[in-house]
Amino acid sequence: MSLTDKAIARIRELIQSGELPPGAKLPPEQQLATELGLSRNLMREAVRALVVARVLDVRRGDGTYVTSLEPALLLEGLGSAVELLHGDTLLELTEVRRLFEPIATGLAATRISDDDLVDVRHHLDAMRAARDDVELLNEHDAAFHRAVIAAAGNSTLATLLEGISSRTVRGRVWRGMVDDHAGDRTIAEHEAIYAALLRRDAALAEAAALMHVSTTEQWLRQHLDHDETAGRPGPADDETSWRSGPVRECPDRSDPTGPPRSRT
């Protein structure tokens, strides 16, 4: 462990012990460095690292404070990290979604309010209206799931699922662009989830969500394996290769194994 890592660990210990609770102002730099037996340079490096990690917040002219330490703040960098993953990670992320999202949906069924249901229904209606627009449909699809997960009342779970959603949404857009019937099936699956939430039936909501995520995962497994064999680009490639790059037309739009069409 480097000296900087040790300095970071010392400050984290103060926070974890409650000596520096959320919102607390740190002692002046020289005082804290002396108390922890650190040099001022090491203290500055440790503070900078903890600022990047959203643990500390430096306020110009005021001092350094412990942040709220809320999950949404501490985990907000997860999505950016996920975007840097390569290889088979799209399937791994879909597996993670399958493990977490059905449970969260079932939990939401037991906690969802009437206002939450109105919000979920709004996104479902928007999906129906956008059934012929792949990207808009998937935007409302993602918003539908965010509303459901938010209704579960678990901010840590909501933040984790939001963090992995960007890459899985990309895969869902790809599916919609090469499968003419994907939109109708997706809407039907979301209608089943909404109906279970409306009944406040946790088991049914969990089952409907599991069916929905598993269908997407199965489709991705089949087509990623096929495209890898055929040497075709998939959603795990650089996004610009199929979203904003040269148009690659499918010879037959009904062929679900061809490369996705670019849309303008």
C-alpha atoms as a PDB file:
ATOM      1  CA  MET A   1       0.000   0.000   0.000  1.00  0.00           C
ATOM      2  CA  SER A   2       1.391   3.400  -0.997  1.00  0.00           C
ATOM      3  CA  LEU A   3       1.688   6.287   1.453  1.00  0.00           C
ATOM      4  CA  THR A   4      -1.176   8.049  -0.354  1.00  0.00           C
ATOM      5  CA  ASP A   5      -3.375   4.958   0.015  1.00  0.00           C
ATOM      6  CA  LYS A   6      -2.561   4.863   3.716  1.00  0.00           C
ATOM      7  CA  ALA A   7      -3.529   8.528   4.025  1.00  0.00           C
ATOM      8  CA  ILE A   8      -6.815   7.841   2.241  1.00  0.00           C
ATOM      9  CA  ALA A   9      -7.468   4.904   4.558  1.00  0.00           C
ATOM     10  CA  ARG A  10      -6.894   7.079   7.648  1.00  0.00           C
ATOM     11  CA  ILE A  11      -9.455   9.654   6.511  1.00  0.00           C
ATOM     12  CA  ARG A  12     -11.918   6.915   5.568  1.00  0.00           C
ATOM     13  CA  GLU A  13     -11.539   5.464   9.070  1.00  0.00           C
ATOM     14  CA  LEU A  14     -12.578   8.802  10.558  1.00  0.00           C
ATOM     15  CA  ILE A  15     -15.674   8.811   8.333  1.00  0.00           C
ATOM     16  CA  GLN A  16     -16.576   5.168   8.948  1.00  0.00           C
ATOM     17  CA  SER A  17     -16.210   5.557  12.705  1.00  0.00           C
ATOM     18  CA  GLY A  18     -18.621   8.482  12.705  1.00  0.00           C
ATOM     19  CA  GLU A  19     -16.028  10.955  13.881  1.00  0.00           C
ATOM     20  CA  LEU A  20     -16.573  12.743  10.576  1.00  0.00           C
ATOM     21  CA  PRO A  21     -20.247  12.112   9.713  1.00  0.00           C
ATOM     22  CA  PRO A  22     -21.949  13.119   6.438  1.00  0.00           C
ATOM     23  CA  GLY A  23     -21.915  16.893   6.080  1.00  0.00           C
ATOM     24  CA  ALA A  24     -19.117  17.380   8.632  1.00  0.00           C
ATOM     25  CA  LYS A  25     -16.367  19.895   7.977  1.00  0.00           C
ATOM     26  CA  LEU A  26     -12.819  18.569   8.123  1.00  0.00           C
ATOM     27  CA  PRO A  27     -10.332  20.288  10.463  1.00  0.00           C
ATOM     28  CA  PRO A  28      -7.850  22.658   8.797  1.00  0.00           C
ATOM     29  CA  GLU A  29      -5.349  20.853   6.577  1.00  0.00           C
ATOM     30  CA  GLN A  30      -2.324  21.359   8.864  1.00  0.00           C
ATOM     31  CA  GLN A  31      -4.258  20.312  11.967  1.00  0.00           C
ATOM     32  CA  LEU A  32      -5.647  17.149  10.375  1.00  0.00           C
ATOM     33  CA  ALA A  33      -2.258  16.229   8.898  1.00  0.00           C
ATOM     34  CA  THR A  34      -0.655  16.572  12.317  1.00  0.00           C
ATOM     35  CA  GLU A  35      -3.383  14.561  14.048  1.00  0.00           C
ATOM     36  CA  LEU A  36      -3.028  11.729  11.521  1.00  0.00           C
ATOM     37  CA  GLY A  37       0.752  11.888  11.419  1.00  0.00           C
ATOM     38  CA  LEU A  38       0.847  12.754   7.720  1.00  0.00           C
ATOM     39  CA  SER A  39       2.675  15.319   5.673  1.00  0.00           C
ATOM     40  CA  ARG A  40       0.618  18.132   4.129  1.00  0.00           C
ATOM     41  CA  ASN A  41       1.440  16.841   0.627  1.00  0.00           C
ATOM     42  CA  LEU A  42       0.114  13.379   1.451  1.00  0.00           C
ATOM     43  CA  MET A  43      -2.968  14.959   3.020  1.00  0.00           C
ATOM     44  CA  ARG A  44      -3.654  16.971  -0.141  1.00  0.00           C
ATOM     45  CA  GLU A  45      -3.270  13.909  -2.368  1.00  0.00           C
ATOM     46  CA  ALA A  46      -5.631  11.908  -0.150  1.00  0.00           C
ATOM     47  CA  VAL A  47      -8.210  14.683  -0.144  1.00  0.00           C
ATOM     48  CA  ARG A  48      -8.038  15.001  -3.939  1.00  0.00           C
ATOM     49  CA  ALA A  49      -8.594  11.265  -4.350  1.00  0.00           C
ATOM     50  CA  LEU A  50     -11.570  11.310  -1.988  1.00  0.00           C
ATOM     51  CA  VAL A  51     -13.035  14.295  -3.820  1.00  0.00           C
ATOM     52  CA  VAL A  52     -12.919  12.315  -7.076  1.00  0.00           C
ATOM     53  CA  ALA A  53     -14.621   9.422  -5.262  1.00  0.00           C
ATOM     54  CA  ARG A  54     -17.408  11.824  -4.136  1.00  0.00           C
ATOM     55  CA  VAL A  55     -16.530  11.209  -0.474  1.00  0.00           C
ATOM     56  CA  LEU A  56     -15.272  14.741   0.148  1.00  0.00           C
ATOM     57  CA  ASP A  57     -16.305  18.095  -1.281  1.00  0.00           C
ATOM     58  CA  VAL A  58     -13.927  21.063  -1.375  1.00  0.00           C
ATOM     59  CA  ARG A  59     -15.751  24.388  -1.115  1.00  0.00           C
ATOM     60  CA  ARG A  60     -13.602  27.304  -2.149  1.00  0.00           C
ATOM     61  CA  GLY A  61     -13.095  29.778   0.663  1.00  0.00           C
ATOM     62  CA  ASP A  62     -14.972  27.597   3.131  1.00  0.00           C
ATOM     63  CA  GLY A  63     -13.160  24.302   3.616  1.00  0.00           C
ATOM     64  CA  THR A  64     -13.508  20.584   2.928  1.00  0.00           C
ATOM     65  CA  TYR A  65     -16.655  18.685   3.859  1.00  0.00           C
ATOM     66  CA  VAL A  66     -17.805  15.095   3.942  1.00  0.00           C
ATOM     67  CA  THR A  67     -20.488  14.649   1.293  1.00  0.00           C
ATOM     68  CA  SER A  68     -23.927  13.190   1.963  1.00  0.00           C
ATOM     69  CA  LEU A  69     -22.480   9.724   1.200  1.00  0.00           C
ATOM     70  CA  GLU A  70     -25.778   8.828  -0.477  1.00  0.00           C
ATOM     71  CA  PRO A  71     -25.662   5.820  -2.834  1.00  0.00           C
ATOM     72  CA  ALA A  72     -26.671   7.932  -5.831  1.00  0.00           C
ATOM     73  CA  LEU A  73     -23.627  10.137  -5.207  1.00  0.00           C
ATOM     74  CA  LEU A  74     -21.031   7.497  -4.344  1.00  0.00           C
ATOM     75  CA  LEU A  75     -22.074   5.151  -7.136  1.00  0.00           C
ATOM     76  CA  GLU A  76     -22.691   7.717  -9.852  1.00  0.00           C
ATOM     77  CA  GLY A  77     -19.421   6.822 -11.555  1.00  0.00           C
ATOM     78  CA  LEU A  78     -20.561   3.233 -12.088  1.00  0.00           C
ATOM     79  CA  GLY A  79     -22.220   4.022 -15.405  1.00  0.00           C
ATOM     80  CA  SER A  80     -19.049   5.631 -16.751  1.00  0.00           C
ATOM     81  CA  ALA A  81     -17.014   2.627 -15.692  1.00  0.00           C
ATOM     82  CA  VAL A  82     -19.483   0.259 -17.322  1.00  0.00           C
ATOM     83  CA  GLU A  83     -19.162   2.156 -20.604  1.00  0.00           C
ATOM     84  CA  LEU A  84     -15.438   1.285 -20.665  1.00  0.00           C
ATOM     85  CA  LEU A  85     -16.010  -2.465 -20.408  1.00  0.00           C
ATOM     86  CA  HIS A  86     -15.274  -4.599 -23.464  1.00  0.00           C
ATOM     87  CA  GLY A  87     -15.745  -8.100 -24.785  1.00  0.00           C
ATOM     88  CA  ASP A  88     -18.509 -10.275 -23.408  1.00  0.00           C
ATOM     89  CA  THR A  89     -19.510  -7.766 -20.754  1.00  0.00           C
ATOM     90  CA  LEU A  90     -22.844  -6.940 -22.443  1.00  0.00           C
ATOM     91  CA  LEU A  91     -24.043 -10.449 -21.654  1.00  0.00           C
ATOM     92  CA  GLU A  92     -22.567 -10.260 -18.165  1.00  0.00           C
ATOM     93  CA  LEU A  93     -24.401  -7.002 -17.534  1.00  0.00           C
ATOM     94  CA  THR A  94     -27.620  -8.532 -18.832  1.00  0.00           C
ATOM     95  CA  GLU A  95     -27.116 -11.400 -16.382  1.00  0.00           C
ATOM     96  CA  VAL A  96     -26.691  -8.902 -13.551  1.00  0.00           C
ATOM     97  CA  ARG A  97     -29.872  -7.164 -14.666  1.00  0.00           C
ATOM     98  CA  ARG A  98     -31.703 -10.518 -14.677  1.00  0.00           C
ATOM     99  CA  LEU A  99     -30.532 -11.218 -11.129  1.00  0.00           C
ATOM    100  CA  PHE A 100     -31.502  -7.823  -9.681  1.00  0.00           C
ATOM    101  CA  GLU A 101     -34.341  -6.296 -11.671  1.00  0.00           C
ATOM    102  CA  PRO A 102     -37.044  -8.963 -11.155  1.00  0.00           C
ATOM    103  CA  ILE A 103     -36.485  -8.846  -7.392  1.00  0.00           C
ATOM    104  CA  ALA A 104     -36.677  -5.052  -7.444  1.00  0.00           C
ATOM    105  CA  THR A 105     -39.864  -5.185  -9.528  1.00  0.00           C
ATOM    106  CA  GLY A 106     -41.466  -7.596  -7.090  1.00  0.00           C
ATOM    107  CA  LEU A 107     -40.490  -5.302  -4.227  1.00  0.00           C
ATOM    108  CA  ALA A 108     -41.973  -2.346  -6.091  1.00  0.00           C
ATOM    109  CA  ALA A 109     -45.316  -4.165  -6.322  1.00  0.00           C
ATOM    110  CA  THR A 110     -45.553  -4.149  -2.525  1.00  0.00           C
ATOM    111  CA  ARG A 111     -44.584  -0.479  -2.167  1.00  0.00           C
ATOM    112  CA  ILE A 112     -45.786   1.317  -5.268  1.00  0.00           C
ATOM    113  CA  SER A 113     -48.119   4.276  -4.705  1.00  0.00           C
ATOM    114  CA  ASP A 114     -50.987   5.420  -6.885  1.00  0.00           C
ATOM    115  CA  ASP A 115     -48.863   8.336  -8.087  1.00  0.00           C
ATOM    116  CA  ASP A 116     -46.036   5.937  -8.960  1.00  0.00           C
ATOM    117  CA  LEU A 117     -48.474   3.837 -10.977  1.00  0.00           C
ATOM    118  CA  VAL A 118     -49.548   6.919 -12.911  1.00  0.00           C
ATOM    119  CA  ASP A 119     -45.900   7.598 -13.746  1.00  0.00           C
ATOM    120  CA  VAL A 120     -45.298   4.007 -14.873  1.00  0.00           C
ATOM    121  CA  ARG A 121     -48.489   4.062 -16.953  1.00  0.00           C
ATOM    122  CA  HIS A 122     -47.348   7.313 -18.598  1.00  0.00           C
ATOM    123  CA  HIS A 123     -44.157   5.650 -19.845  1.00  0.00           C
ATOM    124  CA  LEU A 124     -46.075   2.579 -20.988  1.00  0.00           C
ATOM    125  CA  ASP A 125     -48.434   4.775 -23.024  1.00  0.00           C
ATOM    126  CA  ALA A 126     -45.422   6.590 -24.491  1.00  0.00           C
ATOM    127  CA  MET A 127     -43.921   3.231 -25.498  1.00  0.00           C
ATOM    128  CA  ARG A 128     -47.122   2.326 -27.318  1.00  0.00           C
ATOM    129  CA  ALA A 129     -47.082   5.630 -29.179  1.00  0.00           C
ATOM    130  CA  ALA A 130     -43.420   5.142 -30.148  1.00  0.00           C
ATOM    131  CA  ARG A 131     -43.637   1.498 -31.221  1.00  0.00           C
ATOM    132  CA  ASP A 132     -42.328   2.348 -34.724  1.00  0.00           C
ATOM    133  CA  ASP A 133     -39.412   4.475 -33.482  1.00  0.00           C
ATOM    134  CA  VAL A 134     -36.758   2.131 -32.080  1.00  0.00           C
ATOM    135  CA  GLU A 135     -34.679   4.663 -30.177  1.00  0.00           C
ATOM    136  CA  LEU A 136     -37.635   6.600 -28.767  1.00  0.00           C
ATOM    137  CA  LEU A 137     -39.309   3.351 -27.758  1.00  0.00           C
ATOM    138  CA  ASN A 138     -36.198   2.311 -25.868  1.00  0.00           C
ATOM    139  CA  GLU A 139     -35.905   5.709 -24.185  1.00  0.00           C
ATOM    140  CA  HIS A 140     -39.391   5.242 -22.744  1.00  0.00           C
ATOM    141  CA  ASP A 141     -38.588   1.592 -22.016  1.00  0.00           C
ATOM    142  CA  ALA A 142     -35.656   2.719 -19.840  1.00  0.00           C
ATOM    143  CA  ALA A 143     -37.816   5.401 -18.189  1.00  0.00           C
ATOM    144  CA  PHE A 144     -40.497   2.783 -17.463  1.00  0.00           C
ATOM    145  CA  HIS A 145     -37.977   0.629 -15.602  1.00  0.00           C
ATOM    146  CA  ARG A 146     -36.496   3.598 -13.738  1.00  0.00           C
ATOM    147  CA  ALA A 147     -39.982   4.507 -12.502  1.00  0.00           C
ATOM    148  CA  VAL A 148     -40.639   0.925 -11.389  1.00  0.00           C
ATOM    149  CA  ILE A 149     -37.299   0.565  -9.597  1.00  0.00           C
ATOM    150  CA  ALA A 150     -37.723   3.968  -7.941  1.00  0.00           C
ATOM    151  CA  ALA A 151     -41.058   2.753  -6.559  1.00  0.00           C
ATOM    152  CA  ALA A 152     -39.203  -0.073  -4.770  1.00  0.00           C
ATOM    153  CA  GLY A 153     -37.769   2.563  -2.432  1.00  0.00           C
ATOM    154  CA  ASN A 154     -34.210   1.196  -2.392  1.00  0.00           C
ATOM    155  CA  SER A 155     -31.831   3.899  -3.596  1.00  0.00           C
ATOM    156  CA  THR A 156     -28.779   1.640  -3.597  1.00  0.00           C
ATOM    157  CA  LEU A 157     -30.479  -0.927  -5.811  1.00  0.00           C
ATOM    158  CA  ALA A 158     -31.837   1.817  -8.068  1.00  0.00           C
ATOM    159  CA  THR A 159     -28.369   3.320  -8.502  1.00  0.00           C
ATOM    160  CA  LEU A 160     -26.760  -0.037  -9.287  1.00  0.00           C
ATOM    161  CA  LEU A 161     -29.372  -0.865 -11.921  1.00  0.00           C
ATOM    162  CA  GLU A 162     -29.129   2.602 -13.439  1.00  0.00           C
ATOM    163  CA  GLY A 163     -25.370   2.176 -13.619  1.00  0.00           C
ATOM    164  CA  ILE A 164     -25.576  -0.922 -15.812  1.00  0.00           C
ATOM    165  CA  SER A 165     -28.536   0.220 -17.897  1.00  0.00           C
ATOM    166  CA  SER A 166     -26.667   2.238 -20.525  1.00  0.00           C
ATOM    167  CA  ARG A 167     -24.986  -0.780 -22.084  1.00  0.00           C
ATOM    168  CA  THR A 168     -28.075  -3.005 -21.856  1.00  0.00           C
ATOM    169  CA  VAL A 169     -30.209  -0.296 -23.495  1.00  0.00           C
ATOM    170  CA  ARG A 170     -27.747  -0.267 -26.390  1.00  0.00           C
ATOM    171  CA  GLY A 171     -28.309  -3.992 -26.849  1.00  0.00           C
ATOM    172  CA  ARG A 172     -32.071  -3.491 -26.774  1.00  0.00           C
ATOM    173  CA  VAL A 173     -31.833  -0.784 -29.441  1.00  0.00           C
ATOM    174  CA  TRP A 174     -29.831  -3.180 -31.603  1.00  0.00           C
ATOM    175  CA  ARG A 175     -32.519  -5.829 -31.168  1.00  0.00           C
ATOM    176  CA  GLY A 176     -35.225  -3.391 -32.197  1.00  0.00           C
ATOM    177  CA  MET A 177     -33.316  -2.401 -35.329  1.00  0.00           C
ATOM    178  CA  VAL A 178     -32.923  -5.947 -36.653  1.00  0.00           C
ATOM    179  CA  ASP A 179     -36.109  -7.596 -35.376  1.00  0.00           C
ATOM    180  CA  ASP A 180     -39.355  -6.232 -36.829  1.00  0.00           C
ATOM    181  CA  HIS A 181     -41.475  -7.785 -34.076  1.00  0.00           C
ATOM    182  CA  ALA A 182     -39.314  -6.784 -31.100  1.00  0.00           C
ATOM    183  CA  GLY A 183     -41.317  -3.603 -30.402  1.00  0.00           C
ATOM    184  CA  ASP A 184     -44.661  -5.379 -30.123  1.00  0.00           C
ATOM    185  CA  ARG A 185     -43.212  -8.097 -27.900  1.00  0.00           C
ATOM    186  CA  THR A 186     -41.466  -5.538 -25.700  1.00  0.00           C
ATOM    187  CA  ILE A 187     -44.663  -3.558 -25.200  1.00  0.00           C
ATOM    188  CA  ALA A 188     -46.612  -6.722 -24.377  1.00  0.00           C
ATOM    189  CA  GLU A 189     -44.002  -7.692 -21.765  1.00  0.00           C
ATOM    190  CA  HIS A 190     -44.200  -4.231 -20.181  1.00  0.00           C
ATOM    191  CA  GLU A 191     -47.984  -4.412 -20.139  1.00  0.00           C
ATOM    192  CA  ALA A 192     -47.693  -7.649 -18.150  1.00  0.00           C
ATOM    193  CA  ILE A 193     -45.362  -5.964 -15.659  1.00  0.00           C
ATOM    194  CA  TYR A 194     -47.705  -3.004 -15.291  1.00  0.00           C
ATOM    195  CA  ALA A 195     -50.743  -5.270 -14.791  1.00  0.00           C
ATOM    196  CA  ALA A 196     -48.944  -7.098 -11.974  1.00  0.00           C
ATOM    197  CA  LEU A 197     -47.948  -3.810 -10.337  1.00  0.00           C
ATOM    198  CA  LEU A 198     -51.535  -2.604 -10.598  1.00  0.00           C
ATOM    199  CA  ARG A 199     -52.645  -5.697  -8.691  1.00  0.00           C
ATOM    200  CA  ARG A 200     -49.817  -5.225  -6.155  1.00  0.00           C
ATOM    201  CA  ASP A 201     -48.903  -8.853  -6.841  1.00  0.00           C
ATOM    202  CA  ALA A 202     -45.214  -9.203  -5.991  1.00  0.00           C
ATOM    203  CA  ALA A 203     -44.797 -12.764  -7.269  1.00  0.00           C
ATOM    204  CA  LEU A 204     -46.493 -11.988 -10.563  1.00  0.00           C
ATOM    205  CA  ALA A 205     -44.522  -8.756 -11.022  1.00  0.00           C
ATOM    206  CA  GLU A 206     -41.251 -10.560 -10.359  1.00  0.00           C
ATOM    207  CA  ALA A 207     -42.173 -13.327 -12.815  1.00  0.00           C
ATOM    208  CA  ALA A 208     -43.202 -10.830 -15.514  1.00  0.00           C
ATOM    209  CA  ALA A 209     -39.952  -8.893 -15.123  1.00  0.00           C
ATOM    210  CA  LEU A 210     -37.909 -12.105 -15.196  1.00  0.00           C
ATOM    211  CA  MET A 211     -39.638 -13.192 -18.391  1.00  0.00           C
ATOM    212  CA  HIS A 212     -38.954  -9.793 -19.972  1.00  0.00           C
ATOM    213  CA  VAL A 213     -35.249  -9.640 -19.087  1.00  0.00           C
ATOM    214  CA  SER A 214     -34.686 -13.316 -19.907  1.00  0.00           C
ATOM    215  CA  THR A 215     -36.206 -12.872 -23.363  1.00  0.00           C
ATOM    216  CA  THR A 216     -33.778 -10.042 -24.091  1.00  0.00           C
ATOM    217  CA  GLU A 217     -30.840 -12.023 -22.713  1.00  0.00           C
ATOM    218  CA  GLN A 218     -31.703 -15.093 -24.800  1.00  0.00           C
ATOM    219  CA  TRP A 219     -31.978 -12.989 -27.959  1.00  0.00           C
ATOM    220  CA  LEU A 220     -28.620 -11.323 -27.293  1.00  0.00           C
ATOM    221  CA  ARG A 221     -26.897 -14.643 -26.659  1.00  0.00           C
ATOM    222  CA  GLN A 222     -28.152 -16.081 -29.933  1.00  0.00           C
ATOM    223  CA  HIS A 223     -27.271 -13.059 -32.044  1.00  0.00           C
ATOM    224  CA  LEU A 224     -23.951 -12.183 -30.436  1.00  0.00           C
ATOM    225  CA  ASP A 225     -22.800 -15.764 -31.000  1.00  0.00           C
ATOM    226  CA  HIS A 226     -23.992 -15.619 -34.615  1.00  0.00           C
ATOM    227  CA  ASP A 227     -22.405 -12.220 -35.323  1.00  0.00           C
ATOM    228  CA  GLU A 228     -19.123 -13.243 -33.715  1.00  0.00           C
ATOM    229  CA  THR A 229     -18.996 -16.286 -35.993  1.00  0.00           C
ATOM    230  CA  ALA A 230     -19.950 -14.241 -39.046  1.00  0.00           C
ATOM    231  CA  GLY A 231     -17.615 -11.371 -38.161  1.00  0.00           C
ATOM    232  CA  ARG A 232     -20.449  -8.858 -38.002  1.00  0.00           C
ATOM    233  CA  PRO A 233     -20.518  -5.881 -35.612  1.00  0.00           C
ATOM    234  CA  GLY A 234     -22.743  -6.058 -32.561  1.00  0.00           C
ATOM    235  CA  PRO A 235     -23.720  -3.663 -29.789  1.00  0.00           C
ATOM    236  CA  ALA A 236     -20.523  -4.353 -27.866  1.00  0.00           C
ATOM    237  CA  ASP A 237     -18.532  -2.688 -30.652  1.00  0.00           C
ATOM    238  CA  ASP A 238     -17.849   1.041 -30.596  1.00  0.00           C
ATOM    239  CA  GLU A 239     -21.259   2.699 -30.569  1.00  0.00           C
ATOM    240  CA  THR A 240     -20.322   4.986 -33.456  1.00  0.00           C
ATOM    241  CA  SER A 241     -19.722   1.950 -35.653  1.00  0.00           C
ATOM    242  CA  TRP A 242     -23.468   1.413 -35.966  1.00  0.00           C
ATOM    243  CA  ARG A 243     -25.123   4.519 -34.601  1.00  0.00           C
ATOM    244  CA  SER A 244     -23.349   7.369 -36.400  1.00  0.00           C
ATOM    245  CA  GLY A 245     -20.962   5.662 -38.814  1.00  0.00           C
ATOM    246  CA  PRO A 246     -21.507   4.741 -42.453  1.00  0.00           C
ATOM    247  CA  VAL A 247     -24.876   3.191 -43.186  1.00  0.00           C
ATOM    248  CA  ARG A 248     -24.761  -0.588 -43.545  1.00  0.00           C
ATOM    249  CA  GLU A 249     -28.006  -1.717 -45.170  1.00  0.00           C
ATOM    250  CA  CYS A 250     -29.424  -5.173 -44.534  1.00  0.00           C
ATOM    251  CA  PRO A 251     -30.148  -7.027 -47.783  1.00  0.00           C
ATOM    252  CA  ASP A 252     -33.307  -8.342 -46.158  1.00  0.00           C
ATOM    253  CA  ARG A 253     -34.892  -6.399 -43.257  1.00  0.00           C
ATOM    254  CA  SER A 254     -36.667  -9.578 -42.151  1.00  0.00           C
ATOM    255  CA  ASP A 255     -33.366 -11.354 -41.579  1.00  0.00           C
ATOM    256  CA  PRO A 256     -32.760 -10.996 -37.808  1.00  0.00           C
ATOM    257  CA  THR A 257     -29.120 -11.979 -38.113  1.00  0.00           C
ATOM    258  CA  GLY A 258     -27.986  -9.168 -40.372  1.00  0.00           C
ATOM    259  CA  PRO A 259     -26.231  -6.023 -39.150  1.00  0.00           C
ATOM    260  CA  PRO A 260     -28.471  -3.242 -37.805  1.00  0.00           C
ATOM    261  CA  ARG A 261     -29.598  -0.479 -40.101  1.00  0.00           C
ATOM    262  CA  SER A 262     -28.607   3.051 -39.257  1.00  0.00           C
ATOM    263  CA  ARG A 263     -31.596   5.348 -38.863  1.00  0.00           C
ATOM    264  CA  THR A 264     -31.716   9.042 -39.438  1.00  0.00           C
END
